[in-house]
PDB file of N, CA and C in Angstrom:
ATOM      1  N   MET A   1      -5.075  -2.906   7.478  1.00  0.00           N
ATOM      2  CA  MET A   1      -5.452  -1.819   8.336  1.00  0.00           C
ATOM      3  C   MET A   1      -5.440  -0.541   7.502  1.00  0.00           C
ATOM      4  N   LEU A   2      -6.520   0.195   7.502  1.00  0.00           N
ATOM      5  CA  LEU A   2      -6.636   1.473   6.817  1.00  0.00           C
ATOM      6  C   LEU A   2      -6.576   2.584   7.854  1.00  0.00           C
ATOM      7  N   THR A   3      -5.748   3.604   7.576  1.00  0.00           N
ATOM      8  CA  THR A   3      -5.553   4.697   8.531  1.00  0.00           C
ATOM      9  C   THR A   3      -5.455   6.029   7.788  1.00  0.00           C
ATOM     10  N   ALA A   4      -5.482   7.100   8.576  1.00  0.00           N
ATOM     11  CA  ALA A   4      -5.192   8.420   8.004  1.00  0.00           C
ATOM     12  C   ALA A   4      -3.761   8.380   7.462  1.00  0.00           C
ATOM     13  N   PRO A   5      -3.519   8.942   6.285  1.00  0.00           N
ATOM     14  CA  PRO A   5      -2.185   8.882   5.688  1.00  0.00           C
ATOM     15  C   PRO A   5      -1.121   9.603   6.504  1.00  0.00           C
ATOM     16  N   ASP A   6       0.034   8.965   6.604  1.00  0.00           N
ATOM     17  CA  ASP A   6       1.208   9.552   7.238  1.00  0.00           C
ATOM     18  C   ASP A   6       2.393   9.281   6.307  1.00  0.00           C
ATOM     19  N   LEU A   7       2.378   9.938   5.171  1.00  0.00           N
ATOM     20  CA  LEU A   7       3.380   9.711   4.129  1.00  0.00           C
ATOM     21  C   LEU A   7       3.897  11.048   3.623  1.00  0.00           C
ATOM     22  N   PRO A   8       5.146  11.099   3.146  1.00  0.00           N
ATOM     23  CA  PRO A   8       5.745  12.369   2.705  1.00  0.00           C
ATOM     24  C   PRO A   8       5.394  12.726   1.253  1.00  0.00           C
ATOM     25  N   ILE A   9       4.107  12.702   0.942  1.00  0.00           N
ATOM     26  CA  ILE A   9       3.624  13.143  -0.371  1.00  0.00           C
ATOM     27  C   ILE A   9       2.399  14.020  -0.125  1.00  0.00           C
ATOM     28  N   ALA A  10       1.951  14.712  -1.176  1.00  0.00           N
ATOM     29  CA  ALA A  10       0.751  15.533  -1.040  1.00  0.00           C
ATOM     30  C   ALA A  10      -0.446  14.628  -0.752  1.00  0.00           C
ATOM     31  N   ILE A  11      -1.156  14.934   0.316  1.00  0.00           N
ATOM     32  CA  ILE A  11      -2.298  14.142   0.768  1.00  0.00           C
ATOM     33  C   ILE A  11      -3.561  14.957   0.559  1.00  0.00           C
ATOM     34  N   GLY A  12      -4.595  14.323   0.015  1.00  0.00           N
ATOM     35  CA  GLY A  12      -5.877  14.978  -0.176  1.00  0.00           C
ATOM     36  C   GLY A  12      -6.924  14.435   0.777  1.00  0.00           C
ATOM     37  N   PRO A  13      -8.072  15.100   0.855  1.00  0.00           N
ATOM     38  CA  PRO A  13      -9.123  14.680   1.785  1.00  0.00           C
ATOM     39  C   PRO A  13      -9.719  13.304   1.462  1.00  0.00           C
ATOM     40  N   GLY A  14      -9.570  12.846   0.232  1.00  0.00           N
ATOM     41  CA  GLY A  14     -10.101  11.544  -0.150  1.00  0.00           C
ATOM     42  C   GLY A  14      -9.109  10.410  -0.017  1.00  0.00           C
ATOM     43  N   ASP A  15      -7.948  10.684   0.583  1.00  0.00           N
ATOM     44  CA  ASP A  15      -6.888   9.676   0.693  1.00  0.00           C
ATOM     45  C   ASP A  15      -6.992   8.875   1.986  1.00  0.00           C
ATOM     46  N   ILE A  16      -6.577   7.620   1.902  1.00  0.00           N
ATOM     47  CA  ILE A  16      -6.461   6.739   3.063  1.00  0.00           C
ATOM     48  C   ILE A  16      -5.227   5.871   2.838  1.00  0.00           C
ATOM     49  N   GLU A  17      -4.568   5.495   3.920  1.00  0.00           N
ATOM     50  CA  GLU A  17      -3.354   4.685   3.800  1.00  0.00           C
ATOM     51  C   GLU A  17      -3.626   3.249   4.219  1.00  0.00           C
ATOM     52  N   LEU A  18      -3.157   2.329   3.408  1.00  0.00           N
ATOM     53  CA  LEU A  18      -3.226   0.901   3.723  1.00  0.00           C
ATOM     54  C   LEU A  18      -1.916   0.501   4.384  1.00  0.00           C
ATOM     55  N   LYS A  19      -2.016  -0.034   5.595  1.00  0.00           N
ATOM     56  CA  LYS A  19      -0.834  -0.496   6.337  1.00  0.00           C
ATOM     57  C   LYS A  19      -1.045  -1.942   6.740  1.00  0.00           C
ATOM     58  N   ARG A  20       0.038  -2.679   6.765  1.00  0.00           N
ATOM     59  CA  ARG A  20       0.069  -4.024   7.335  1.00  0.00           C
ATOM     60  C   ARG A  20      -0.910  -4.996   6.696  1.00  0.00           C
ATOM     61  N   ILE A  21      -0.716  -5.252   5.423  1.00  0.00           N
ATOM     62  CA  ILE A  21      -1.464  -6.311   4.764  1.00  0.00           C
ATOM     63  C   ILE A  21      -0.455  -7.434   4.506  1.00  0.00           C
ATOM     64  N   TYR A  22      -0.574  -8.507   5.262  1.00  0.00           N
ATOM     65  CA  TYR A  22       0.397  -9.601   5.217  1.00  0.00           C
ATOM     66  C   TYR A  22      -0.308 -10.945   5.114  1.00  0.00           C
ATOM     67  N   ALA A  23       0.389 -11.899   4.503  1.00  0.00           N
ATOM     68  CA  ALA A  23      -0.033 -13.303   4.520  1.00  0.00           C
ATOM     69  C   ALA A  23       1.210 -14.135   4.806  1.00  0.00           C
ATOM     70  N   LEU A  24       1.059 -15.146   5.626  1.00  0.00           N
ATOM     71  CA  LEU A  24       2.175 -16.055   5.877  1.00  0.00           C
ATOM     72  C   LEU A  24       2.634 -16.675   4.563  1.00  0.00           C
ATOM     73  N   SER A  25       3.928 -16.961   4.465  1.00  0.00           N
ATOM     74  CA  SER A  25       4.489 -17.453   3.199  1.00  0.00           C
ATOM     75  C   SER A  25       3.792 -18.720   2.698  1.00  0.00           C
ATOM     76  N   ARG A  26       3.320 -19.570   3.583  1.00  0.00           N
ATOM     77  CA  ARG A  26       2.649 -20.797   3.118  1.00  0.00           C
ATOM     78  C   ARG A  26       1.339 -20.508   2.389  1.00  0.00           C
ATOM     79  N   PHE A  27       0.830 -19.261   2.524  1.00  0.00           N
ATOM     80  CA  PHE A  27      -0.397 -18.875   1.831  1.00  0.00           C
ATOM     81  C   PHE A  27      -0.130 -18.067   0.565  1.00  0.00           C
ATOM     82  N   HIS A  28       1.149 -17.774   0.260  1.00  0.00           N
ATOM     83  CA  HIS A  28       1.463 -17.047  -0.979  1.00  0.00           C
ATOM     84  C   HIS A  28       1.016 -17.899  -2.164  1.00  0.00           C
ATOM     85  N   GLY A  29       0.435 -17.255  -3.139  1.00  0.00           N
ATOM     86  CA  GLY A  29       0.002 -17.956  -4.345  1.00  0.00           C
ATOM     87  C   GLY A  29      -1.356 -18.620  -4.230  1.00  0.00           C
ATOM     88  N   THR A  30      -2.041 -18.433  -3.102  1.00  0.00           N
ATOM     89  CA  THR A  30      -3.348 -19.072  -2.909  1.00  0.00           C
ATOM     90  C   THR A  30      -4.519 -18.163  -3.263  1.00  0.00           C
ATOM     91  N   GLY A  31      -4.244 -16.889  -3.506  1.00  0.00           N
ATOM     92  CA  GLY A  31      -5.317 -15.929  -3.745  1.00  0.00           C
ATOM     93  C   GLY A  31      -5.724 -15.168  -2.491  1.00  0.00           C
ATOM     94  N   LEU A  32      -5.166 -15.545  -1.343  1.00  0.00           N
ATOM     95  CA  LEU A  32      -5.508 -14.871  -0.097  1.00  0.00           C
ATOM     96  C   LEU A  32      -5.132 -13.390  -0.145  1.00  0.00           C
ATOM     97  N   GLY A  33      -3.937 -13.082  -0.646  1.00  0.00           N
ATOM     98  CA  GLY A  33      -3.503 -11.689  -0.713  1.00  0.00           C
ATOM     99  C   GLY A  33      -4.436 -10.838  -1.562  1.00  0.00           C
ATOM    100  N   GLY A  34      -4.827 -11.365  -2.706  1.00  0.00           N
ATOM    101  CA  GLY A  34      -5.755 -10.639  -3.572  1.00  0.00           C
ATOM    102  C   GLY A  34      -7.104 -10.421  -2.908  1.00  0.00           C
ATOM    103  N   ALA A  35      -7.567 -11.438  -2.191  1.00  0.00           N
ATOM    104  CA  ALA A  35      -8.844 -11.310  -1.481  1.00  0.00           C
ATOM    105  C   ALA A  35      -8.749 -10.259  -0.380  1.00  0.00           C
ATOM    106  N   LEU A  36      -7.635 -10.261   0.368  1.00  0.00           N
ATOM    107  CA  LEU A  36      -7.439  -9.247   1.403  1.00  0.00           C
ATOM    108  C   LEU A  36      -7.373  -7.845   0.795  1.00  0.00           C
ATOM    109  N   MET A  37      -6.689  -7.724  -0.347  1.00  0.00           N
ATOM    110  CA  MET A  37      -6.593  -6.428  -1.000  1.00  0.00           C
ATOM    111  C   MET A  37      -7.975  -5.942  -1.430  1.00  0.00           C
ATOM    112  N   GLU A  38      -8.765  -6.813  -2.023  1.00  0.00           N
ATOM    113  CA  GLU A  38     -10.104  -6.406  -2.462  1.00  0.00           C
ATOM    114  C   GLU A  38     -10.964  -5.971  -1.284  1.00  0.00           C
ATOM    115  N   LEU A  39     -10.858  -6.675  -0.158  1.00  0.00           N
ATOM    116  CA  LEU A  39     -11.594  -6.258   1.039  1.00  0.00           C
ATOM    117  C   LEU A  39     -11.159  -4.879   1.500  1.00  0.00           C
ATOM    118  N   ALA A  40      -9.850  -4.631   1.505  1.00  0.00           N
ATOM    119  CA  ALA A  40      -9.344  -3.324   1.928  1.00  0.00           C
ATOM    120  C   ALA A  40      -9.825  -2.220   0.985  1.00  0.00           C
ATOM    121  N   LEU A  41      -9.783  -2.477  -0.319  1.00  0.00           N
ATOM    122  CA  LEU A  41     -10.239  -1.471  -1.281  1.00  0.00           C
ATOM    123  C   LEU A  41     -11.739  -1.221  -1.131  1.00  0.00           C
ATOM    124  N   ASP A  42     -12.513  -2.274  -0.910  1.00  0.00           N
ATOM    125  CA  ASP A  42     -13.951  -2.110  -0.687  1.00  0.00           C
ATOM    126  C   ASP A  42     -14.224  -1.307   0.581  1.00  0.00           C
ATOM    127  N   ASP A  43     -13.462  -1.577   1.650  1.00  0.00           N
ATOM    128  CA  ASP A  43     -13.619  -0.805   2.891  1.00  0.00           C
ATOM    129  C   ASP A  43     -13.308   0.667   2.659  1.00  0.00           C
ATOM    130  N   ALA A  44     -12.266   0.951   1.887  1.00  0.00           N
ATOM    131  CA  ALA A  44     -11.911   2.342   1.586  1.00  0.00           C
ATOM    132  C   ALA A  44     -13.026   3.021   0.806  1.00  0.00           C
ATOM    133  N   ARG A  45     -13.606   2.320  -0.155  1.00  0.00           N
ATOM    134  CA  ARG A  45     -14.731   2.887  -0.921  1.00  0.00           C
ATOM    135  C   ARG A  45     -15.915   3.183  -0.011  1.00  0.00           C
ATOM    136  N   ARG A  46     -16.236   2.214   0.851  1.00  0.00           N
ATOM    137  CA  ARG A  46     -17.367   2.402   1.773  1.00  0.00           C
ATOM    138  C   ARG A  46     -17.127   3.586   2.715  1.00  0.00           C
ATOM    139  N   ALA A  47     -15.871   3.860   3.006  1.00  0.00           N
ATOM    140  CA  ALA A  47     -15.527   5.007   3.857  1.00  0.00           C
ATOM    141  C   ALA A  47     -15.552   6.316   3.068  1.00  0.00           C
ATOM    142  N   GLY A  48     -15.874   6.239   1.767  1.00  0.00           N
ATOM    143  CA  GLY A  48     -15.965   7.439   0.944  1.00  0.00           C
ATOM    144  C   GLY A  48     -14.630   7.949   0.430  1.00  0.00           C
ATOM    145  N   LYS A  49     -13.608   7.112   0.456  1.00  0.00           N
ATOM    146  CA  LYS A  49     -12.282   7.527   0.008  1.00  0.00           C
ATOM    147  C   LYS A  49     -12.142   7.366  -1.497  1.00  0.00           C
ATOM    148  N   SER A  50     -11.256   8.173  -2.089  1.00  0.00           N
ATOM    149  CA  SER A  50     -11.062   8.140  -3.538  1.00  0.00           C
ATOM    150  C   SER A  50      -9.682   7.640  -3.948  1.00  0.00           C
ATOM    151  N   ARG A  51      -8.760   7.502  -2.972  1.00  0.00           N
ATOM    152  CA  ARG A  51      -7.418   7.028  -3.303  1.00  0.00           C
ATOM    153  C   ARG A  51      -6.828   6.286  -2.109  1.00  0.00           C
ATOM    154  N   VAL A  52      -6.183   5.158  -2.414  1.00  0.00           N
ATOM    155  CA  VAL A  52      -5.484   4.379  -1.395  1.00  0.00           C
ATOM    156  C   VAL A  52      -3.984   4.546  -1.615  1.00  0.00           C
ATOM    157  N   LEU A  53      -3.266   4.826  -0.533  1.00  0.00           N
ATOM    158  CA  LEU A  53      -1.818   4.985  -0.552  1.00  0.00           C
ATOM    159  C   LEU A  53      -1.196   3.887   0.298  1.00  0.00           C
ATOM    160  N   LEU A  54       0.051   3.537  -0.007  1.00  0.00           N
ATOM    161  CA  LEU A  54       0.783   2.596   0.839  1.00  0.00           C
ATOM    162  C   LEU A  54       2.267   2.759   0.620  1.00  0.00           C
ATOM    163  N   GLY A  55       3.034   2.372   1.617  1.00  0.00           N
ATOM    164  CA  GLY A  55       4.484   2.379   1.521  1.00  0.00           C
ATOM    165  C   GLY A  55       4.996   0.962   1.663  1.00  0.00           C
ATOM    166  N   VAL A  56       6.044   0.636   0.921  1.00  0.00           N
ATOM    167  CA  VAL A  56       6.636  -0.706   0.977  1.00  0.00           C
ATOM    168  C   VAL A  56       8.140  -0.571   0.791  1.00  0.00           C
ATOM    169  N   TYR A  57       8.880  -1.462   1.425  1.00  0.00           N
ATOM    170  CA  TYR A  57      10.333  -1.458   1.305  1.00  0.00           C
ATOM    171  C   TYR A  57      10.709  -1.546  -0.166  1.00  0.00           C
ATOM    172  N   GLY A  58      11.528  -0.634  -0.617  1.00  0.00           N
ATOM    173  CA  GLY A  58      11.875  -0.527  -2.027  1.00  0.00           C
ATOM    174  C   GLY A  58      12.492  -1.773  -2.627  1.00  0.00           C
ATOM    175  N   GLU A  59      13.159  -2.601  -1.815  1.00  0.00           N
ATOM    176  CA  GLU A  59      13.799  -3.810  -2.331  1.00  0.00           C
ATOM    177  C   GLU A  59      12.928  -5.066  -2.191  1.00  0.00           C
ATOM    178  N   ASN A  60      11.677  -4.887  -1.774  1.00  0.00           N
ATOM    179  CA  ASN A  60      10.766  -6.022  -1.653  1.00  0.00           C
ATOM    180  C   ASN A  60      10.057  -6.235  -2.999  1.00  0.00           C
ATOM    181  N   ALA A  61      10.749  -6.919  -3.901  1.00  0.00           N
ATOM    182  CA  ALA A  61      10.253  -7.091  -5.272  1.00  0.00           C
ATOM    183  C   ALA A  61       8.925  -7.842  -5.307  1.00  0.00           C
ATOM    184  N   ARG A  62       8.762  -8.838  -4.457  1.00  0.00           N
ATOM    185  CA  ARG A  62       7.517  -9.620  -4.455  1.00  0.00           C
ATOM    186  C   ARG A  62       6.317  -8.741  -4.086  1.00  0.00           C
ATOM    187  N   ALA A  63       6.468  -7.966  -3.022  1.00  0.00           N
ATOM    188  CA  ALA A  63       5.372  -7.084  -2.605  1.00  0.00           C
ATOM    189  C   ALA A  63       5.095  -6.020  -3.653  1.00  0.00           C
ATOM    190  N   ARG A  64       6.153  -5.449  -4.208  1.00  0.00           N
ATOM    191  CA  ARG A  64       5.958  -4.413  -5.220  1.00  0.00           C
ATOM    192  C   ARG A  64       5.215  -4.967  -6.432  1.00  0.00           C
ATOM    193  N   ALA A  65       5.562  -6.162  -6.862  1.00  0.00           N
ATOM    194  CA  ALA A  65       4.866  -6.777  -8.000  1.00  0.00           C
ATOM    195  C   ALA A  65       3.396  -7.016  -7.656  1.00  0.00           C
ATOM    196  N   PHE A  66       3.124  -7.445  -6.430  1.00  0.00           N
ATOM    197  CA  PHE A  66       1.741  -7.662  -5.981  1.00  0.00           C
ATOM    198  C   PHE A  66       0.948  -6.363  -6.083  1.00  0.00           C
ATOM    199  N   TYR A  67       1.491  -5.277  -5.522  1.00  0.00           N
ATOM    200  CA  TYR A  67       0.770  -4.001  -5.546  1.00  0.00           C
ATOM    201  C   TYR A  67       0.570  -3.505  -6.969  1.00  0.00           C
ATOM    202  N   GLU A  68       1.574  -3.663  -7.800  1.00  0.00           N
ATOM    203  CA  GLU A  68       1.443  -3.225  -9.197  1.00  0.00           C
ATOM    204  C   GLU A  68       0.387  -4.047  -9.934  1.00  0.00           C
ATOM    205  N   ARG A  69       0.298  -5.342  -9.653  1.00  0.00           N
ATOM    206  CA  ARG A  69      -0.754  -6.176 -10.264  1.00  0.00           C
ATOM    207  C   ARG A  69      -2.147  -5.702  -9.839  1.00  0.00           C
ATOM    208  N   HIS A  70      -2.224  -5.068  -8.689  1.00  0.00           N
ATOM    209  CA  HIS A  70      -3.510  -4.592  -8.189  1.00  0.00           C
ATOM    210  C   HIS A  70      -3.744  -3.113  -8.495  1.00  0.00           C
ATOM    211  N   GLY A  71      -3.023  -2.584  -9.471  1.00  0.00           N
ATOM    212  CA  GLY A  71      -3.308  -1.252  -9.982  1.00  0.00           C
ATOM    213  C   GLY A  71      -2.629  -0.096  -9.285  1.00  0.00           C
ATOM    214  N   PHE A  72      -1.696  -0.357  -8.385  1.00  0.00           N
ATOM    215  CA  PHE A  72      -0.981   0.719  -7.700  1.00  0.00           C
ATOM    216  C   PHE A  72       0.169   1.202  -8.574  1.00  0.00           C
ATOM    217  N   THR A  73       0.416   2.509  -8.530  1.00  0.00           N
ATOM    218  CA  THR A  73       1.517   3.106  -9.275  1.00  0.00           C
ATOM    219  C   THR A  73       2.395   3.914  -8.317  1.00  0.00           C
ATOM    220  N   LEU A  74       3.650   4.075  -8.693  1.00  0.00           N
ATOM    221  CA  LEU A  74       4.598   4.812  -7.857  1.00  0.00           C
ATOM    222  C   LEU A  74       4.185   6.274  -7.709  1.00  0.00           C
ATOM    223  N   SER A  75       4.271   6.769  -6.470  1.00  0.00           N
ATOM    224  CA  SER A  75       3.914   8.160  -6.189  1.00  0.00           C
ATOM    225  C   SER A  75       4.965   8.907  -5.400  1.00  0.00           C
ATOM    226  N   GLY A  76       5.983   8.217  -4.910  1.00  0.00           N
ATOM    227  CA  GLY A  76       7.009   8.894  -4.143  1.00  0.00           C
ATOM    228  C   GLY A  76       7.921   7.912  -3.437  1.00  0.00           C
ATOM    229  N   LYS A  77       8.780   8.459  -2.598  1.00  0.00           N
ATOM    230  CA  LYS A  77       9.740   7.655  -1.839  1.00  0.00           C
ATOM    231  C   LYS A  77       9.874   8.241  -0.446  1.00  0.00           C
ATOM    232  N   ARG A  78      10.356   7.400   0.474  1.00  0.00           N
ATOM    233  CA  ARG A  78      10.639   7.874   1.827  1.00  0.00           C
ATOM    234  C   ARG A  78      11.838   7.103   2.358  1.00  0.00           C
ATOM    235  N   ASP A  79      12.743   7.837   2.968  1.00  0.00           N
ATOM    236  CA  ASP A  79      13.923   7.225   3.580  1.00  0.00           C
ATOM    237  C   ASP A  79      13.618   6.883   5.026  1.00  0.00           C
ATOM    238  N   PHE A  80      14.221   5.787   5.512  1.00  0.00           N
ATOM    239  CA  PHE A  80      14.150   5.459   6.926  1.00  0.00           C
ATOM    240  C   PHE A  80      15.474   4.850   7.349  1.00  0.00           C
ATOM    241  N   ARG A  81      15.804   5.016   8.589  1.00  0.00           N
ATOM    242  CA  ARG A  81      17.098   4.592   9.110  1.00  0.00           C
ATOM    243  C   ARG A  81      16.921   3.395  10.030  1.00  0.00           C
ATOM    244  N   VAL A  82      17.806   2.414   9.847  1.00  0.00           N
ATOM    245  CA  VAL A  82      17.929   1.291  10.765  1.00  0.00           C
ATOM    246  C   VAL A  82      19.384   1.296  11.209  1.00  0.00           C
ATOM    247  N   GLY A  83      19.611   1.719  12.440  1.00  0.00           N
ATOM    248  CA  GLY A  83      20.985   1.901  12.905  1.00  0.00           C
ATOM    249  C   GLY A  83      21.646   2.997  12.094  1.00  0.00           C
ATOM    250  N   ALA A  84      22.780   2.687  11.497  1.00  0.00           N
ATOM    251  CA  ALA A  84      23.511   3.667  10.698  1.00  0.00           C
ATOM    252  C   ALA A  84      23.164   3.579   9.213  1.00  0.00           C
ATOM    253  N   THR A  85      22.291   2.641   8.846  1.00  0.00           N
ATOM    254  CA  THR A  85      21.976   2.406   7.442  1.00  0.00           C
ATOM    255  C   THR A  85      20.662   3.070   7.053  1.00  0.00           C
ATOM    256  N   VAL A  86      20.694   3.797   5.933  1.00  0.00           N
ATOM    257  CA  VAL A  86      19.482   4.419   5.408  1.00  0.00           C
ATOM    258  C   VAL A  86      18.898   3.503   4.332  1.00  0.00           C
ATOM    259  N   HIS A  87      17.622   3.200   4.470  1.00  0.00           N
ATOM    260  CA  HIS A  87      16.888   2.390   3.498  1.00  0.00           C
ATOM    261  C   HIS A  87      15.812   3.265   2.857  1.00  0.00           C
ATOM    262  N   GLN A  88      15.168   2.725   1.836  1.00  0.00           N
ATOM    263  CA  GLN A  88      14.145   3.507   1.152  1.00  0.00           C
ATOM    264  C   GLN A  88      12.884   2.689   0.939  1.00  0.00           C
ATOM    265  N   ASP A  89      11.764   3.291   1.301  1.00  0.00           N
ATOM    266  CA  ASP A  89      10.451   2.769   0.947  1.00  0.00           C
ATOM    267  C   ASP A  89      10.014   3.459  -0.333  1.00  0.00           C
ATOM    268  N   VAL A  90       9.191   2.795  -1.097  1.00  0.00           N
ATOM    269  CA  VAL A  90       8.507   3.448  -2.211  1.00  0.00           C
ATOM    270  C   VAL A  90       7.050   3.620  -1.794  1.00  0.00           C
ATOM    271  N   ILE A  91       6.446   4.664  -2.283  1.00  0.00           N
ATOM    272  CA  ILE A  91       5.054   4.964  -1.970  1.00  0.00           C
ATOM    273  C   ILE A  91       4.226   4.743  -3.229  1.00  0.00           C
ATOM    274  N   TYR A  92       3.184   3.971  -3.062  1.00  0.00           N
ATOM    275  CA  TYR A  92       2.271   3.662  -4.160  1.00  0.00           C
ATOM    276  C   TYR A  92       0.918   4.318  -3.902  1.00  0.00           C
ATOM    277  N   ALA A  93       0.202   4.565  -4.994  1.00  0.00           N
ATOM    278  CA  ALA A  93      -1.158   5.112  -4.913  1.00  0.00           C
ATOM    279  C   ALA A  93      -2.040   4.403  -5.924  1.00  0.00           C
ATOM    280  N   ARG A  94      -3.303   4.315  -5.586  1.00  0.00           N
ATOM    281  CA  ARG A  94      -4.300   3.759  -6.504  1.00  0.00           C
ATOM    282  C   ARG A  94      -5.596   4.521  -6.326  1.00  0.00           C
ATOM    283  N   ALA A  95      -6.098   5.073  -7.432  1.00  0.00           N
ATOM    284  CA  ALA A  95      -7.404   5.737  -7.398  1.00  0.00           C
ATOM    285  C   ALA A  95      -8.475   4.669  -7.303  1.00  0.00           C
ATOM    286  N   LEU A  96      -9.543   5.010  -6.587  1.00  0.00           N
ATOM    287  CA  LEU A  96     -10.663   4.080  -6.422  1.00  0.00           C
ATOM    288  C   LEU A  96     -11.814   4.479  -7.322  1.00  0.00           C
ATOM    289  N   ASN A  97     -12.350   3.515  -8.008  1.00  0.00           N
ATOM    290  CA  ASN A  97     -13.579   3.727  -8.770  1.00  0.00           C
ATOM    291  C   ASN A  97     -14.744   3.501  -7.821  1.00  0.00           C
ATOM    292  N   ARG A  98     -15.721   4.286  -7.925  1.00  0.00           N
ATOM    293  CA  ARG A  98     -16.883   4.141  -7.014  1.00  0.00           C
ATOM    294  C   ARG A  98     -17.929   3.256  -7.607  1.00  0.00           C
TER     295      ARG A  98
END
């Protein structure tokens, strides 16, 4: 799902946020995630966007490695609270080539 960015970093007019890109665990390693990512990036390009942003739980090493393999780099952090515990998301960005 691509949406208007709602992240605590500087946002530009060419930015779009990628939210909720998931695959069931039985599909991990099949190429489905990469295919979904390419579709999302193509949709962002078609929408005239120049950068894709996303947030992911900072301790989700598998997801972070996936995003980094697809050219995303760290751009910031955001704290969120679950009950009395504060957790941290990391924010990634990737410039789009047209």
